[in-house]
Amino acid sequence: MSPRDLALILLVCVAWALNFLVSAHALREIPPFLFTALRFALLALPLVFVLRAPAPGQWARLLAACLCIGVLHFGLSFLALRLSSDLSSPAIVMQSYIPLTALLAWWVLGERFAWRTGLAIAVSFGGVLVLGFDPAVLANPAALLTMLASALALAVATVLMKPLRGVDVWNMQGWTAVLAVLPLLAISLVFEPGGLAMLGQASWIGWGGAAYAAFVSSLLGHGLYYVLVQRYPVAMLTPWLLLVPVFAIALGIAFWGDRPGPRLWIGGAMVLGGVLAVALRALRKARPLVEEPMAGP
């Protein structure tokens, strides 16, 4: 990667890692599903003007993918962040979506992987079990399970999106924002009574957190990542994204009061190590494609 593109991927990682910290502060004032609805309502404002209908026959798959991402993945991830007492464990567990995606692609799409990838997946999930015995996580296991469910929803959405054609990142984000707002509001009205009143009392921290999640994490972060995906194979970029939980852990220690214990360090190393191994195996398979951008003008 060129120095400029390396700086861009690092900027994406910092933007996504900061989203854990900024959102955790905002979730003290706004309930999780209402916060997610607000995030997507703000994101829909600029993207609704660039929406275009998907190709015939893709509506059902697009709708399912958008609901999995917008309602289940983001809604549950913010709920997990609200339930958790630290930033480190949610940021680490979120990365389990990569081995989960590999397993789902094998089961649903018939994609095969070598025994080394299978071992890496097993190590990654073993790390989640080890991490689960950390005292900070044991104090509230619901946060860990909720983040695992969020990661599974993202894995399902990733598999659903694979056959989609002609849907770029702006349309995917735009349709997700538009389609997710009403279901999220409905969930909030049922399960978060008084949430709208809390929204009216929220300070700049709550509103600023939603704006950051919409415009910096989603619009800027995913926008820059899309630029990089056009220049390099995804398999080449995925290992760099493992810096997101690393940065989030550092931010948690510096600004959230996280004090990771040995089980969290060991379990986190197993999760991220397994994810890295899966990503490197994918990179090795994509090696001929990786060399293409370097050979062009």
Protein backbone atom coordinates (compact mmCIF):
# COMPACT_ATOMS: atom_id res chain seq x y z
CA MET A 1 0.00 0.00 0.00
CA SER A 2 1.15 3.52 -0.73
CA PRO A 3 1.89 5.81 2.25
CA ARG A 4 -1.24 7.82 1.43
CA ASP A 5 -3.48 4.74 1.44
CA LEU A 6 -1.81 3.45 4.59
CA ALA A 7 -2.66 6.77 6.25
CA LEU A 8 -6.26 6.41 5.03
CA ILE A 9 -6.72 2.90 6.47
CA LEU A 10 -5.25 4.08 9.77
CA LEU A 11 -7.68 7.02 9.76
CA VAL A 12 -10.56 4.58 9.22
CA CYS A 13 -9.37 2.45 12.14
CA VAL A 14 -9.11 5.48 14.44
CA ALA A 15 -12.57 6.73 13.40
CA TRP A 16 -14.16 3.33 14.09
CA ALA A 17 -12.30 2.85 17.38
CA LEU A 18 -13.33 6.32 18.59
CA ASN A 19 -16.93 5.37 17.83
CA PHE A 20 -16.83 2.90 20.75
CA LEU A 21 -15.80 5.63 23.18
CA VAL A 22 -18.03 8.41 21.81
CA SER A 23 -21.08 6.12 21.60
CA ALA A 24 -20.50 4.74 25.11
CA HIS A 25 -20.73 8.28 26.48
CA ALA A 26 -23.83 9.04 24.38
CA LEU A 27 -25.55 5.83 25.51
CA ARG A 28 -25.55 7.14 29.05
CA GLU A 29 -28.16 9.66 27.88
CA ILE A 30 -29.99 7.92 25.01
CA PRO A 31 -31.28 4.28 25.05
CA PRO A 32 -29.49 1.94 22.59
CA PHE A 33 -32.20 1.26 20.00
CA LEU A 34 -33.35 4.87 19.99
CA PHE A 35 -29.71 5.94 19.62
CA THR A 36 -29.37 3.59 16.64
CA ALA A 37 -32.55 5.01 15.09
CA LEU A 38 -31.22 8.54 15.55
CA ARG A 39 -27.90 7.57 13.98
CA PHE A 40 -29.62 6.19 10.88
CA ALA A 41 -32.08 9.08 10.66
CA LEU A 42 -29.13 11.48 10.52
CA LEU A 43 -27.28 9.25 8.04
CA ALA A 44 -30.34 9.05 5.78
CA LEU A 45 -30.46 12.84 5.34
CA PRO A 46 -27.56 13.10 2.85
CA LEU A 47 -27.84 9.58 1.38
CA VAL A 48 -31.53 9.59 0.49
CA PHE A 49 -30.70 11.77 -2.54
CA VAL A 50 -28.35 9.16 -4.06
CA LEU A 51 -30.53 6.09 -3.54
CA ARG A 52 -31.37 3.98 -6.54
CA ALA A 53 -33.45 0.83 -6.79
CA PRO A 54 -31.57 -2.47 -6.87
CA ALA A 55 -31.69 -4.79 -9.87
CA PRO A 56 -34.90 -6.82 -10.34
CA GLY A 57 -35.07 -9.84 -8.06
CA GLN A 58 -32.73 -8.36 -5.43
CA TRP A 59 -35.25 -6.49 -3.26
CA ALA A 60 -35.87 -9.32 -0.79
CA ARG A 61 -32.18 -10.00 -0.28
CA LEU A 62 -31.37 -6.29 0.05
CA LEU A 63 -34.18 -5.81 2.59
CA ALA A 64 -33.01 -8.79 4.66
CA ALA A 65 -29.39 -7.61 4.60
CA CYS A 66 -30.32 -4.04 5.57
CA LEU A 67 -32.47 -5.19 8.49
CA CYS A 68 -29.75 -7.58 9.69
CA ILE A 69 -27.19 -4.77 9.63
CA GLY A 70 -29.27 -1.80 10.73
CA VAL A 71 -31.64 -3.33 13.28
CA LEU A 72 -29.91 -6.45 14.58
CA HIS A 73 -26.20 -5.72 14.20
CA PHE A 74 -26.09 -2.04 15.14
CA GLY A 75 -29.01 -2.18 17.57
CA LEU A 76 -27.54 -5.13 19.47
CA SER A 77 -23.99 -3.75 19.35
CA PHE A 78 -25.08 -0.49 21.00
CA LEU A 79 -27.12 -2.49 23.51
CA ALA A 80 -24.02 -4.56 24.32
CA LEU A 81 -21.97 -1.40 24.69
CA ARG A 82 -24.59 0.01 27.05
CA LEU A 83 -24.64 -3.21 29.11
CA SER A 84 -20.85 -3.55 29.28
CA SER A 85 -18.76 -1.91 31.97
CA ASP A 86 -15.73 -1.71 29.65
CA LEU A 87 -14.91 -0.92 26.03
CA SER A 88 -12.28 -3.60 25.53
CA SER A 89 -14.37 -6.78 25.57
CA PRO A 90 -17.12 -5.53 23.18
CA ALA A 91 -14.49 -4.27 20.73
CA ILE A 92 -12.73 -7.64 20.77
CA VAL A 93 -15.84 -9.83 20.58
CA MET A 94 -17.15 -7.81 17.62
CA GLN A 95 -14.26 -9.20 15.53
CA SER A 96 -15.74 -12.69 15.84
CA TYR A 97 -17.96 -11.78 12.88
CA ILE A 98 -15.05 -12.69 10.57
CA PRO A 99 -14.81 -16.39 11.58
CA LEU A 100 -18.62 -16.48 11.86
CA THR A 101 -18.84 -15.24 8.27
CA ALA A 102 -16.43 -17.97 7.14
CA LEU A 103 -18.56 -20.62 8.86
CA LEU A 104 -21.80 -19.29 7.40
CA ALA A 105 -20.30 -19.04 3.90
CA TRP A 106 -19.22 -22.69 4.23
CA TRP A 107 -22.67 -23.78 5.45
CA VAL A 108 -24.89 -21.64 3.21
CA LEU A 109 -22.79 -20.93 0.11
CA GLY A 110 -20.70 -24.10 0.10
CA GLU A 111 -17.41 -22.17 0.30
CA ARG A 112 -14.60 -24.42 1.47
CA PHE A 113 -11.70 -23.58 3.75
CA ALA A 114 -8.56 -25.48 4.71
CA TRP A 115 -7.96 -27.11 8.09
CA ARG A 116 -5.67 -24.22 9.07
CA THR A 117 -8.57 -21.80 8.69
CA GLY A 118 -10.76 -24.16 10.71
CA LEU A 119 -8.13 -24.23 13.45
CA ALA A 120 -7.93 -20.43 13.42
CA ILE A 121 -11.73 -20.23 13.78
CA ALA A 122 -11.60 -22.65 16.73
CA VAL A 123 -8.86 -20.61 18.41
CA SER A 124 -10.86 -17.42 17.91
CA PHE A 125 -13.99 -18.85 19.54
CA GLY A 126 -11.84 -20.40 22.28
CA GLY A 127 -10.60 -16.89 22.95
CA VAL A 128 -14.19 -15.69 23.39
CA LEU A 129 -14.69 -18.39 26.04
CA VAL A 130 -11.50 -17.39 27.85
CA LEU A 131 -12.47 -13.73 27.65
CA GLY A 132 -15.86 -14.62 29.11
CA PHE A 133 -14.19 -15.66 32.37
CA ASP A 134 -12.60 -12.26 32.90
CA PRO A 135 -14.08 -10.77 36.10
CA ALA A 136 -15.22 -7.62 34.29
CA VAL A 137 -17.10 -9.75 31.75
CA LEU A 138 -18.39 -12.28 34.28
CA ALA A 139 -20.01 -9.40 36.17
CA ASN A 140 -22.35 -8.92 33.21
CA PRO A 141 -22.27 -11.85 30.75
CA ALA A 142 -25.32 -10.46 28.93
CA ALA A 143 -23.07 -7.85 27.28
CA LEU A 144 -20.79 -10.58 25.85
CA LEU A 145 -23.71 -12.67 24.56
CA THR A 146 -25.41 -9.61 23.06
CA MET A 147 -22.25 -8.60 21.20
CA LEU A 148 -21.87 -12.18 19.92
CA ALA A 149 -25.45 -11.98 18.60
CA SER A 150 -24.58 -8.65 16.97
CA ALA A 151 -21.51 -10.21 15.32
CA LEU A 152 -23.65 -13.12 14.07
CA ALA A 153 -26.15 -10.67 12.55
CA LEU A 154 -23.31 -8.92 10.71
CA ALA A 155 -22.02 -12.29 9.46
CA VAL A 156 -25.50 -13.19 8.17
CA ALA A 157 -25.75 -9.80 6.44
CA THR A 158 -22.32 -10.28 4.85
CA VAL A 159 -23.38 -13.63 3.39
CA LEU A 160 -26.66 -12.13 2.18
CA MET A 161 -24.81 -9.27 0.46
CA LYS A 162 -22.38 -11.47 -1.46
CA PRO A 163 -24.75 -12.22 -4.39
CA LEU A 164 -25.97 -8.59 -4.61
CA ARG A 165 -24.93 -6.80 -7.78
CA GLY A 166 -24.87 -3.08 -8.57
CA VAL A 167 -25.27 -1.95 -4.93
CA ASP A 168 -22.37 0.30 -3.93
CA VAL A 169 -21.45 1.41 -0.42
CA TRP A 170 -23.54 4.59 -0.59
CA ASN A 171 -26.68 2.75 -1.65
CA MET A 172 -26.09 0.00 0.90
CA GLN A 173 -25.67 2.54 3.68
CA GLY A 174 -28.57 4.64 2.39
CA TRP A 175 -31.03 1.74 2.14
CA THR A 176 -29.92 0.45 5.54
CA ALA A 177 -30.54 3.85 7.09
CA VAL A 178 -33.93 4.33 5.44
CA LEU A 179 -35.22 0.81 6.09
CA ALA A 180 -33.95 0.50 9.67
CA VAL A 181 -35.30 3.69 11.24
CA LEU A 182 -38.96 2.68 11.67
CA PRO A 183 -38.28 -0.85 13.03
CA LEU A 184 -35.74 0.61 15.47
CA LEU A 185 -38.22 3.24 16.62
CA ALA A 186 -40.86 0.54 17.11
CA ILE A 187 -38.48 -1.58 19.18
CA SER A 188 -37.52 1.46 21.24
CA LEU A 189 -41.16 2.39 21.92
CA VAL A 190 -41.88 -1.15 23.17
CA PHE A 191 -38.70 -1.96 25.09
CA GLU A 192 -37.36 1.49 26.00
CA PRO A 193 -40.31 3.30 27.63
CA GLY A 194 -39.53 6.93 28.27
CA GLY A 195 -36.77 6.89 25.65
CA LEU A 196 -38.20 9.79 23.67
CA ALA A 197 -38.37 11.88 26.84
CA MET A 198 -34.71 11.06 27.49
CA LEU A 199 -33.90 12.13 23.94
CA GLY A 200 -35.46 15.52 24.62
CA GLN A 201 -33.26 15.91 27.69
CA ALA A 202 -30.04 14.71 26.04
CA SER A 203 -27.07 17.07 26.07
CA TRP A 204 -24.58 17.75 23.29
CA ILE A 205 -22.81 14.53 24.34
CA GLY A 206 -25.78 12.38 23.34
CA TRP A 207 -26.57 14.26 20.13
CA GLY A 208 -22.89 14.63 19.29
CA GLY A 209 -22.40 10.88 19.73
CA ALA A 210 -25.21 10.16 17.28
CA ALA A 211 -23.80 12.70 14.81
CA TYR A 212 -20.32 11.18 15.13
CA ALA A 213 -21.68 7.66 14.57
CA ALA A 214 -23.61 8.82 11.48
CA PHE A 215 -21.22 11.21 9.77
CA VAL A 216 -17.73 10.22 10.94
CA SER A 217 -17.97 6.49 11.62
CA SER A 218 -20.45 5.64 8.86
CA LEU A 219 -20.19 8.31 6.17
CA LEU A 220 -16.48 9.13 6.42
CA GLY A 221 -15.18 5.79 7.70
CA HIS A 222 -17.09 3.56 5.30
CA GLY A 223 -16.61 6.06 2.50
CA LEU A 224 -12.83 5.97 2.84
CA TYR A 225 -12.89 2.19 3.21
CA TYR A 226 -14.89 1.96 -0.04
CA VAL A 227 -12.23 4.05 -1.79
CA LEU A 228 -9.58 1.60 -0.58
CA VAL A 229 -11.64 -1.44 -1.57
CA GLN A 230 -11.66 -0.08 -5.12
CA ARG A 231 -7.84 -0.05 -5.08
CA TYR A 232 -7.04 -3.24 -3.14
CA PRO A 233 -8.71 -6.60 -2.47
CA VAL A 234 -10.70 -6.81 0.77
CA ALA A 235 -8.41 -9.63 1.95
CA MET A 236 -5.47 -7.19 1.88
CA LEU A 237 -7.34 -4.62 3.99
CA THR A 238 -8.93 -6.90 6.59
CA PRO A 239 -5.75 -7.49 8.65
CA TRP A 240 -5.36 -3.73 9.10
CA LEU A 241 -8.87 -3.51 10.57
CA LEU A 242 -7.67 -5.55 13.56
CA LEU A 243 -6.17 -2.27 14.74
CA VAL A 244 -9.72 -1.09 15.53
CA PRO A 245 -10.07 -3.18 18.72
CA VAL A 246 -6.45 -2.44 19.62
CA PHE A 247 -7.13 1.31 19.43
CA ALA A 248 -10.45 0.83 21.25
CA ILE A 249 -8.67 -0.99 24.10
CA ALA A 250 -6.16 1.85 24.37
CA LEU A 251 -8.98 4.42 24.41
CA GLY A 252 -10.83 2.39 27.03
CA ILE A 253 -7.79 2.29 29.29
CA ALA A 254 -7.04 5.99 28.79
CA PHE A 255 -10.54 7.49 28.92
CA TRP A 256 -13.06 4.90 30.19
CA GLY A 257 -11.23 3.42 33.15
CA ASP A 258 -10.75 -0.06 31.66
CA ARG A 259 -8.37 -2.29 33.57
CA PRO A 260 -8.08 -5.46 31.47
CA GLY A 261 -7.21 -8.57 33.47
CA PRO A 262 -5.03 -11.49 32.30
CA ARG A 263 -8.02 -13.47 30.97
CA LEU A 264 -9.07 -10.57 28.80
CA TRP A 265 -5.54 -10.15 27.44
CA ILE A 266 -5.19 -13.89 26.74
CA GLY A 267 -8.71 -14.28 25.34
CA GLY A 268 -8.35 -11.10 23.29
CA ALA A 269 -5.05 -12.32 21.86
CA MET A 270 -6.69 -15.63 20.91
CA VAL A 271 -9.68 -13.92 19.26
CA LEU A 272 -7.60 -11.42 17.32
CA GLY A 273 -4.94 -14.00 16.51
CA GLY A 274 -7.56 -16.36 15.10
CA VAL A 275 -9.17 -13.54 13.13
CA LEU A 276 -5.77 -12.50 11.78
CA ALA A 277 -5.04 -16.07 10.71
CA VAL A 278 -8.37 -16.27 8.85
CA ALA A 279 -7.66 -12.93 7.18
CA LEU A 280 -4.14 -13.96 6.17
CA ARG A 281 -5.42 -17.20 4.68
CA ALA A 282 -7.89 -15.16 2.63
CA LEU A 283 -5.07 -12.81 1.61
CA ARG A 284 -2.95 -15.75 0.47
CA LYS A 285 -5.80 -16.98 -1.74
CA ALA A 286 -6.19 -13.48 -3.17
CA ARG A 287 -2.46 -12.98 -3.78
CA PRO A 288 -2.74 -12.68 -7.60
CA LEU A 289 -5.37 -9.96 -7.13
CA VAL A 290 -3.27 -8.17 -4.54
CA GLU A 291 -0.50 -7.68 -7.06
CA GLU A 292 -2.79 -6.17 -9.71
CA PRO A 293 -3.05 -2.61 -8.34
CA MET A 294 0.74 -2.40 -8.03
CA ALA A 295 1.18 -3.38 -11.68
CA GLY A 296 -1.13 -0.70 -13.06
CA PRO A 297 -0.18 2.84 -14.08
